[in-house]
C-alpha cells in the first residue's frame, strides 16, 4: 500500500508491505493526529473516499493537510 503525504513542496510517498501493517497503522494515526484528512482508493479506481480508520485503508491513501486561511 502507498501513502501520499501532501505538503507545501508537493508530496512524499511512503510504501508499506502487508507485513508492515502495524507500522502503516501507526503512521496513519500519526498523520491524522497532525490534523490531516485521509482519502483512500483501490488501484485503478478514480474516486477517493474519506476515511478516519486505518482498517479502511486500501491500495492508495492520500493525506491532505488541514486548510488554513484568514
Protein backbone atom coordinates (compact mmCIF):
# COMPACT_ATOMS: atom_id res chain seq x y z
CA UNK A 1 0.00 0.00 0.00
CA UNK A 2 1.11 3.55 -0.66
CA UNK A 3 0.60 6.69 1.39
CA UNK A 4 0.89 10.04 -0.41
CA UNK A 5 1.52 12.80 2.12
CA UNK A 6 0.86 16.27 0.69
CA UNK A 7 2.77 19.34 1.90
CA UNK A 8 3.81 22.78 0.64
CA UNK A 9 6.53 21.42 -1.62
CA UNK A 10 4.48 18.64 -3.22
CA UNK A 11 4.23 15.20 -1.68
CA UNK A 12 6.14 12.34 -0.10
CA UNK A 13 5.40 8.70 -0.89
CA UNK A 14 5.53 6.06 1.83
CA UNK A 15 5.20 2.41 0.80
CA UNK A 16 4.28 -0.46 3.11
CA UNK A 17 4.17 -4.21 2.52
CA UNK A 18 1.42 -6.37 4.08
CA UNK A 19 3.96 -7.44 6.72
CA UNK A 20 4.31 -3.79 7.78
CA UNK A 21 0.61 -3.37 8.65
CA UNK A 22 1.32 -2.29 12.25
CA UNK A 23 3.79 0.35 11.06
CA UNK A 24 1.30 1.60 8.44
CA UNK A 25 -1.45 1.83 11.10
CA UNK A 26 0.83 3.81 13.42
CA UNK A 27 1.80 6.17 10.57
CA UNK A 28 -1.87 6.62 9.63
CA UNK A 29 -2.77 7.54 13.23
CA UNK A 30 0.17 9.95 13.49
CA UNK A 31 -0.77 11.75 10.26
CA UNK A 32 -4.43 12.00 11.29
CA UNK A 33 -3.29 13.26 14.69
CA UNK A 34 -1.46 16.11 12.93
CA UNK A 35 -4.81 17.24 11.53
CA UNK A 36 -4.54 15.72 8.05
CA UNK A 37 -7.50 14.28 6.18
CA UNK A 38 -7.12 10.79 4.70
CA UNK A 39 -8.76 9.64 1.47
CA UNK A 40 -8.24 6.15 0.05
CA UNK A 41 -8.94 4.21 -3.14
CA UNK A 42 -8.25 0.90 -4.83
CA UNK A 43 -5.63 0.91 -7.61
CA UNK A 44 -7.23 1.74 -10.95
CA UNK A 45 -10.29 3.42 -9.40
CA UNK A 46 -10.57 7.19 -9.85
CA UNK A 47 -12.69 8.13 -6.83
CA UNK A 48 -11.25 8.57 -3.35
CA UNK A 49 -13.27 8.00 -0.17
CA UNK A 50 -12.54 9.97 3.02
CA UNK A 51 -11.70 7.66 5.94
CA UNK A 52 -10.88 8.00 9.62
CA UNK A 53 -9.98 4.41 10.48
CA UNK A 54 -6.75 2.65 9.43
CA UNK A 55 -8.73 -0.57 8.89
CA UNK A 56 -10.34 1.09 5.84
CA UNK A 57 -7.01 1.76 4.06
CA UNK A 58 -6.91 0.41 0.51
CA UNK A 59 -4.12 0.41 -2.13
CA UNK A 60 -3.50 4.18 -2.20
CA UNK A 61 -4.17 6.71 0.55
CA UNK A 62 -3.78 10.45 0.17
CA UNK A 63 -3.16 12.63 3.26
CA UNK A 64 -4.05 16.30 2.82
CA UNK A 65 -3.12 18.92 5.43
CA UNK A 66 -5.82 20.98 7.06
CA UNK A 67 -6.56 24.11 5.06
CA UNK A 68 -5.73 27.36 6.82
CA UNK A 69 -6.92 30.72 5.78
CA UNK A 70 -7.85 34.04 7.11
